[in-house]
Amino acid sequence: MLPIKLTSAVLATALTLVPATRASADTRDFLAGAVLGGVAGALIQKEVRKQKLAHEQQQRLRSRAAAPQTYASAPRRADPKKTYPTSIPATPEGREIQSSLAYFGFNAGHIDGRIGPATRRAISEYQSYMGYDETGTLTSFQQQLLTSSYLRAEAAGDTTLGTIASLPDGTKGLLKLFREDLASGATQQRNLTPAPSSAPLTGAIDL
């Protein structure tokens, strides 16, 4: 009887141990599967995020290529400062030239002693009338002829008017007339000096 009972006990113990062993193996398989599943899931999620980022980057590149490109305008350079010529100085010589030109009918502008553009144009007109090169700048002889003719005509007073009336070019004609006198050296032959007054002196005391 004892061997039968002992055998039964061993069989019962064996039967008891078999499920426990299987349960332990299942637990290990579950844990291993969970670990492997977690690692695989992490890798899958990482790949998904990577693909998502790549897709978003492609979308941004496509949107940027489709959008019109704008470029920042280059900084505007400041305009260089303009320089202006200094004021033309007024001189007595310049005033005399302007007065002479105006007297003979060449418009030199305002008589202020400054040889500006208007005076240069008048000089060119004077040179053209006299047959000189139109440079706008007087030579020494041209200036002397112009100013001395003016002073001579002014000094003659009303007598000059008769001479002007006899000339085809009027006042301008005096310039050519006086140039002929200068060439011949007969500056006093034209009788353009005022005649001495024959009116008696008033207030004279007889001694």
C-alpha atoms as a PDB file:
ATOM      1  CA  MET A   1       0.000   0.000   0.000  1.00  0.00           C
ATOM      2  CA  LEU A   2       2.806   2.410   0.864  1.00  0.00           C
ATOM      3  CA  PRO A   3       4.406   2.342  -2.495  1.00  0.00           C
ATOM      4  CA  ILE A   4       1.025   3.064  -4.086  1.00  0.00           C
ATOM      5  CA  LYS A   5       0.417   6.054  -1.817  1.00  0.00           C
ATOM      6  CA  LEU A   6       3.940   7.330  -2.376  1.00  0.00           C
ATOM      7  CA  THR A   7       3.494   7.034  -6.071  1.00  0.00           C
ATOM      8  CA  SER A   8       0.236   8.924  -5.907  1.00  0.00           C
ATOM      9  CA  ALA A   9       1.858  11.692  -3.924  1.00  0.00           C
ATOM     10  CA  VAL A  10       4.700  11.995  -6.368  1.00  0.00           C
ATOM     11  CA  LEU A  11       2.273  12.137  -9.253  1.00  0.00           C
ATOM     12  CA  ALA A  12       0.210  14.797  -7.516  1.00  0.00           C
ATOM     13  CA  THR A  13       3.286  16.823  -6.774  1.00  0.00           C
ATOM     14  CA  ALA A  14       4.388  16.485 -10.348  1.00  0.00           C
ATOM     15  CA  LEU A  15       1.027  17.603 -11.591  1.00  0.00           C
ATOM     16  CA  THR A  16       1.168  20.569  -9.277  1.00  0.00           C
ATOM     17  CA  LEU A  17       4.615  21.564 -10.449  1.00  0.00           C
ATOM     18  CA  VAL A  18       3.842  21.304 -14.126  1.00  0.00           C
ATOM     19  CA  PRO A  19       1.366  24.241 -14.285  1.00  0.00           C
ATOM     20  CA  ALA A  20       3.640  26.380 -12.145  1.00  0.00           C
ATOM     21  CA  THR A  21       6.505  25.771 -14.495  1.00  0.00           C
ATOM     22  CA  ARG A  22       4.345  26.542 -17.484  1.00  0.00           C
ATOM     23  CA  ALA A  23       3.023  29.687 -15.797  1.00  0.00           C
ATOM     24  CA  SER A  24       6.586  30.858 -15.104  1.00  0.00           C
ATOM     25  CA  ALA A  25       7.532  30.243 -18.718  1.00  0.00           C
ATOM     26  CA  ASP A  26       4.466  32.134 -19.937  1.00  0.00           C
ATOM     27  CA  THR A  27       5.354  35.037 -17.660  1.00  0.00           C
ATOM     28  CA  ARG A  28       8.857  35.166 -19.048  1.00  0.00           C
ATOM     29  CA  ASP A  29       7.511  35.007 -22.585  1.00  0.00           C
ATOM     30  CA  PHE A  30       5.083  37.800 -21.799  1.00  0.00           C
ATOM     31  CA  LEU A  31       7.765  40.005 -20.295  1.00  0.00           C
ATOM     32  CA  ALA A  32      10.075  39.346 -23.208  1.00  0.00           C
ATOM     33  CA  GLY A  33       7.291  40.080 -25.631  1.00  0.00           C
ATOM     34  CA  ALA A  34       6.422  43.277 -23.782  1.00  0.00           C
ATOM     35  CA  VAL A  35      10.012  44.424 -23.849  1.00  0.00           C
ATOM     36  CA  LEU A  36      10.352  43.591 -27.514  1.00  0.00           C
ATOM     37  CA  GLY A  37       6.993  45.196 -28.211  1.00  0.00           C
ATOM     38  CA  GLY A  38       8.011  48.352 -26.371  1.00  0.00           C
ATOM     39  CA  VAL A  39      11.273  48.594 -28.266  1.00  0.00           C
ATOM     40  CA  ALA A  40       9.539  47.951 -31.563  1.00  0.00           C
ATOM     41  CA  GLY A  41       6.865  50.506 -30.735  1.00  0.00           C
ATOM     42  CA  ALA A  42       9.465  53.119 -29.859  1.00  0.00           C
ATOM     43  CA  LEU A  43      11.254  52.477 -33.132  1.00  0.00           C
ATOM     44  CA  ILE A  44       8.010  52.697 -35.062  1.00  0.00           C
ATOM     45  CA  GLN A  45       7.040  55.953 -33.353  1.00  0.00           C
ATOM     46  CA  LYS A  46      10.502  57.370 -34.035  1.00  0.00           C
ATOM     47  CA  GLU A  47      10.213  56.432 -37.709  1.00  0.00           C
ATOM     48  CA  VAL A  48       6.729  57.925 -37.880  1.00  0.00           C
ATOM     49  CA  ARG A  49       7.945  61.198 -36.367  1.00  0.00           C
ATOM     50  CA  LYS A  50      10.896  61.210 -38.761  1.00  0.00           C
ATOM     51  CA  GLN A  51       8.636  60.733 -41.752  1.00  0.00           C
ATOM     52  CA  LYS A  52       6.254  63.398 -40.447  1.00  0.00           C
ATOM     53  CA  LEU A  53       9.082  65.932 -40.063  1.00  0.00           C
ATOM     54  CA  ALA A  54      10.359  65.086 -43.541  1.00  0.00           C
ATOM     55  CA  HIS A  55       6.855  65.565 -44.951  1.00  0.00           C
ATOM     56  CA  GLU A  56       6.436  68.908 -43.184  1.00  0.00           C
ATOM     57  CA  GLN A  57       9.830  70.066 -44.454  1.00  0.00           C
ATOM     58  CA  GLN A  58       8.856  69.134 -48.011  1.00  0.00           C
ATOM     59  CA  GLN A  59       5.596  71.051 -47.620  1.00  0.00           C
ATOM     60  CA  ARG A  60       7.458  74.137 -46.443  1.00  0.00           C
ATOM     61  CA  LEU A  61       9.887  73.898 -49.358  1.00  0.00           C
ATOM     62  CA  ARG A  62       7.012  73.576 -51.818  1.00  0.00           C
ATOM     63  CA  SER A  63       5.177  76.511 -50.280  1.00  0.00           C
ATOM     64  CA  ARG A  64       8.338  78.633 -50.386  1.00  0.00           C
ATOM     65  CA  ALA A  65       8.953  77.721 -54.031  1.00  0.00           C
ATOM     66  CA  ALA A  66       5.368  78.541 -54.981  1.00  0.00           C
ATOM     67  CA  ALA A  67       5.286  81.858 -53.130  1.00  0.00           C
ATOM     68  CA  PRO A  68       6.695  84.913 -54.985  1.00  0.00           C
ATOM     69  CA  GLN A  69      10.134  85.738 -53.790  1.00  0.00           C
ATOM     70  CA  THR A  70      10.669  89.146 -52.336  1.00  0.00           C
ATOM     71  CA  TYR A  71      14.040  90.677 -51.876  1.00  0.00           C
ATOM     72  CA  ALA A  72      14.927  93.437 -49.545  1.00  0.00           C
ATOM     73  CA  SER A  73      15.717  96.543 -51.504  1.00  0.00           C
ATOM     74  CA  ALA A  74      19.292  97.656 -51.346  1.00  0.00           C
ATOM     75  CA  PRO A  75      19.880 100.611 -49.085  1.00  0.00           C
ATOM     76  CA  ARG A  76      19.544 103.793 -51.056  1.00  0.00           C
ATOM     77  CA  ARG A  77      22.715 105.679 -51.405  1.00  0.00           C
ATOM     78  CA  ALA A  78      22.605 109.225 -50.288  1.00  0.00           C
ATOM     79  CA  ASP A  79      22.827 111.683 -53.155  1.00  0.00           C
ATOM     80  CA  PRO A  80      26.204 113.322 -53.323  1.00  0.00           C
ATOM     81  CA  LYS A  81      26.116 116.801 -52.023  1.00  0.00           C
ATOM     82  CA  LYS A  82      25.836 119.304 -54.781  1.00  0.00           C
ATOM     83  CA  THR A  83      28.465 121.943 -54.851  1.00  0.00           C
ATOM     84  CA  TYR A  84      27.670 125.383 -56.062  1.00  0.00           C
ATOM     85  CA  PRO A  85      30.146 127.973 -57.215  1.00  0.00           C
ATOM     86  CA  THR A  86      30.903 130.658 -54.773  1.00  0.00           C
ATOM     87  CA  SER A  87      29.294 134.015 -55.330  1.00  0.00           C
ATOM     88  CA  ILE A  88      30.922 135.997 -58.112  1.00  0.00           C
ATOM     89  CA  PRO A  89      32.642 138.976 -56.543  1.00  0.00           C
ATOM     90  CA  ALA A  90      31.503 142.419 -57.570  1.00  0.00           C
ATOM     91  CA  THR A  91      34.265 144.675 -58.870  1.00  0.00           C
ATOM     92  CA  PRO A  92      34.388 148.230 -60.212  1.00  0.00           C
ATOM     93  CA  GLU A  93      35.870 146.824 -63.412  1.00  0.00           C
ATOM     94  CA  GLY A  94      32.915 144.474 -63.793  1.00  0.00           C
ATOM     95  CA  ARG A  95      30.480 147.343 -63.268  1.00  0.00           C
ATOM     96  CA  GLU A  96      32.268 149.418 -65.902  1.00  0.00           C
ATOM     97  CA  ILE A  97      32.099 146.553 -68.416  1.00  0.00           C
ATOM     98  CA  GLN A  98      28.394 146.021 -67.720  1.00  0.00           C
ATOM     99  CA  SER A  99      27.648 149.738 -68.049  1.00  0.00           C
ATOM    100  CA  SER A 100      29.538 149.902 -71.321  1.00  0.00           C
ATOM    101  CA  LEU A 101      27.721 146.891 -72.751  1.00  0.00           C
ATOM    102  CA  ALA A 102      24.336 148.260 -71.705  1.00  0.00           C
ATOM    103  CA  TYR A 103      25.093 151.673 -73.236  1.00  0.00           C
ATOM    104  CA  PHE A 104      25.792 150.120 -76.640  1.00  0.00           C
ATOM    105  CA  GLY A 105      22.653 147.970 -76.547  1.00  0.00           C
ATOM    106  CA  PHE A 106      24.033 144.666 -75.264  1.00  0.00           C
ATOM    107  CA  ASN A 107      21.874 143.475 -72.365  1.00  0.00           C
ATOM    108  CA  ALA A 108      24.244 142.519 -69.557  1.00  0.00           C
ATOM    109  CA  GLY A 109      21.509 142.143 -66.959  1.00  0.00           C
ATOM    110  CA  HIS A 110      21.568 143.941 -63.649  1.00  0.00           C
ATOM    111  CA  ILE A 111      24.590 146.201 -63.319  1.00  0.00           C
ATOM    112  CA  ASP A 112      26.070 144.857 -60.099  1.00  0.00           C
ATOM    113  CA  GLY A 113      29.748 144.397 -60.970  1.00  0.00           C
ATOM    114  CA  ARG A 114      29.463 140.603 -61.152  1.00  0.00           C
ATOM    115  CA  ILE A 115      30.423 139.040 -64.479  1.00  0.00           C
ATOM    116  CA  GLY A 116      27.790 136.300 -64.582  1.00  0.00           C
ATOM    117  CA  PRO A 117      26.010 134.382 -67.365  1.00  0.00           C
ATOM    118  CA  ALA A 118      23.997 137.389 -68.564  1.00  0.00           C
ATOM    119  CA  THR A 119      27.128 139.494 -68.845  1.00  0.00           C
ATOM    120  CA  ARG A 120      28.936 136.675 -70.667  1.00  0.00           C
ATOM    121  CA  ARG A 121      26.126 136.513 -73.223  1.00  0.00           C
ATOM    122  CA  ALA A 122      26.279 140.267 -73.711  1.00  0.00           C
ATOM    123  CA  ILE A 123      30.046 140.043 -74.235  1.00  0.00           C
ATOM    124  CA  SER A 124      29.496 137.337 -76.863  1.00  0.00           C
ATOM    125  CA  GLU A 125      26.993 139.581 -78.664  1.00  0.00           C
ATOM    126  CA  TYR A 126      29.469 142.461 -78.560  1.00  0.00           C
ATOM    127  CA  GLN A 127      32.214 140.218 -79.952  1.00  0.00           C
ATOM    128  CA  SER A 128      29.920 138.935 -82.701  1.00  0.00           C
ATOM    129  CA  TYR A 129      28.953 142.455 -83.734  1.00  0.00           C
ATOM    130  CA  MET A 130      32.561 143.548 -83.881  1.00  0.00           C
ATOM    131  CA  GLY A 131      33.650 140.448 -85.819  1.00  0.00           C
ATOM    132  CA  TYR A 132      35.579 138.805 -82.975  1.00  0.00           C
ATOM    133  CA  ASP A 133      35.428 135.203 -81.795  1.00  0.00           C
ATOM    134  CA  GLU A 134      32.427 134.712 -79.516  1.00  0.00           C
ATOM    135  CA  THR A 135      34.191 133.471 -76.395  1.00  0.00           C
ATOM    136  CA  GLY A 136      32.294 135.404 -73.748  1.00  0.00           C
ATOM    137  CA  THR A 137      35.615 136.573 -72.359  1.00  0.00           C
ATOM    138  CA  LEU A 138      37.095 139.921 -73.290  1.00  0.00           C
ATOM    139  CA  THR A 139      40.634 140.301 -74.478  1.00  0.00           C
ATOM    140  CA  SER A 140      42.550 143.306 -73.244  1.00  0.00           C
ATOM    141  CA  PHE A 141      42.013 145.168 -76.511  1.00  0.00           C
ATOM    142  CA  GLN A 142      38.300 144.312 -76.676  1.00  0.00           C
ATOM    143  CA  GLN A 143      37.795 145.520 -73.124  1.00  0.00           C
ATOM    144  CA  GLN A 144      39.760 148.715 -73.722  1.00  0.00           C
ATOM    145  CA  LEU A 145      37.797 149.476 -76.890  1.00  0.00           C
ATOM    146  CA  LEU A 146      34.478 148.839 -75.156  1.00  0.00           C
ATOM    147  CA  THR A 147      35.063 150.856 -72.009  1.00  0.00           C
ATOM    148  CA  SER A 148      36.993 153.726 -73.634  1.00  0.00           C
ATOM    149  CA  SER A 149      34.266 154.108 -76.269  1.00  0.00           C
ATOM    150  CA  TYR A 150      31.670 154.290 -73.518  1.00  0.00           C
ATOM    151  CA  LEU A 151      33.626 156.908 -71.562  1.00  0.00           C
ATOM    152  CA  ARG A 152      34.255 158.927 -74.724  1.00  0.00           C
ATOM    153  CA  ALA A 153      30.598 158.884 -75.742  1.00  0.00           C
ATOM    154  CA  GLU A 154      29.491 159.856 -72.247  1.00  0.00           C
ATOM    155  CA  ALA A 155      32.018 162.684 -72.070  1.00  0.00           C
ATOM    156  CA  ALA A 156      30.736 164.170 -75.340  1.00  0.00           C
ATOM    157  CA  GLY A 157      27.246 164.532 -73.919  1.00  0.00           C
ATOM    158  CA  ASP A 158      24.565 165.726 -76.338  1.00  0.00           C
ATOM    159  CA  THR A 159      27.073 165.960 -79.181  1.00  0.00           C
ATOM    160  CA  THR A 160      27.154 162.179 -79.290  1.00  0.00           C
ATOM    161  CA  LEU A 161      23.466 162.084 -80.153  1.00  0.00           C
ATOM    162  CA  GLY A 162      24.082 163.750 -83.514  1.00  0.00           C
ATOM    163  CA  THR A 163      26.767 161.247 -84.367  1.00  0.00           C
ATOM    164  CA  ILE A 164      24.531 158.336 -83.333  1.00  0.00           C
ATOM    165  CA  ALA A 165      21.738 159.660 -85.556  1.00  0.00           C
ATOM    166  CA  SER A 166      24.060 159.615 -88.558  1.00  0.00           C
ATOM    167  CA  LEU A 167      25.104 155.984 -88.083  1.00  0.00           C
ATOM    168  CA  PRO A 168      23.152 153.050 -89.634  1.00  0.00           C
ATOM    169  CA  ASP A 169      23.588 150.914 -86.510  1.00  0.00           C
ATOM    170  CA  GLY A 170      22.803 153.711 -84.083  1.00  0.00           C
ATOM    171  CA  THR A 171      24.615 153.562 -80.755  1.00  0.00           C
ATOM    172  CA  LYS A 172      26.370 150.310 -81.637  1.00  0.00           C
ATOM    173  CA  GLY A 173      27.871 152.024 -84.640  1.00  0.00           C
ATOM    174  CA  LEU A 174      29.952 154.208 -82.309  1.00  0.00           C
ATOM    175  CA  LEU A 175      32.022 151.157 -81.447  1.00  0.00           C
ATOM    176  CA  LYS A 176      33.163 150.623 -85.036  1.00  0.00           C
ATOM    177  CA  LEU A 177      33.609 154.349 -85.497  1.00  0.00           C
ATOM    178  CA  PHE A 178      35.825 154.634 -82.438  1.00  0.00           C
ATOM    179  CA  ARG A 179      37.751 151.517 -83.455  1.00  0.00           C
ATOM    180  CA  GLU A 180      38.619 153.217 -86.728  1.00  0.00           C
ATOM    181  CA  ASP A 181      39.788 156.249 -84.794  1.00  0.00           C
ATOM    182  CA  LEU A 182      41.974 154.084 -82.578  1.00  0.00           C
ATOM    183  CA  ALA A 183      43.470 152.381 -85.629  1.00  0.00           C
ATOM    184  CA  SER A 184      44.295 155.733 -87.243  1.00  0.00           C
ATOM    185  CA  GLY A 185      45.295 157.407 -84.009  1.00  0.00           C
ATOM    186  CA  ALA A 186      42.806 160.253 -84.631  1.00  0.00           C
ATOM    187  CA  THR A 187      40.794 159.974 -81.460  1.00  0.00           C
ATOM    188  CA  GLN A 188      40.011 163.682 -81.359  1.00  0.00           C
ATOM    189  CA  GLN A 189      38.997 164.196 -85.017  1.00  0.00           C
ATOM    190  CA  ARG A 190      35.377 163.221 -84.506  1.00  0.00           C
ATOM    191  CA  ASN A 191      34.632 166.353 -82.525  1.00  0.00           C
ATOM    192  CA  LEU A 192      32.759 164.405 -79.868  1.00  0.00           C
ATOM    193  CA  THR A 193      33.902 166.601 -77.027  1.00  0.00           C
ATOM    194  CA  PRO A 194      31.352 169.092 -75.760  1.00  0.00           C
ATOM    195  CA  ALA A 195      31.778 172.598 -77.164  1.00  0.00           C
ATOM    196  CA  PRO A 196      32.776 175.268 -74.642  1.00  0.00           C
ATOM    197  CA  SER A 197      29.796 177.199 -73.349  1.00  0.00           C
ATOM    198  CA  SER A 198      29.432 180.774 -74.740  1.00  0.00           C
ATOM    199  CA  ALA A 199      26.929 181.886 -72.098  1.00  0.00           C
ATOM    200  CA  PRO A 200      28.096 184.909 -70.112  1.00  0.00           C
ATOM    201  CA  LEU A 201      29.106 184.372 -66.577  1.00  0.00           C
ATOM    202  CA  THR A 202      26.650 185.640 -64.044  1.00  0.00           C
ATOM    203  CA  GLY A 203      27.581 187.300 -60.830  1.00  0.00           C
ATOM    204  CA  ALA A 204      30.902 188.600 -62.173  1.00  0.00           C
ATOM    205  CA  ILE A 205      32.347 191.587 -60.342  1.00  0.00           C
ATOM    206  CA  ASP A 206      33.983 194.313 -62.380  1.00  0.00           C
ATOM    207  CA  LEU A 207      37.155 195.493 -60.866  1.00  0.00           C
END
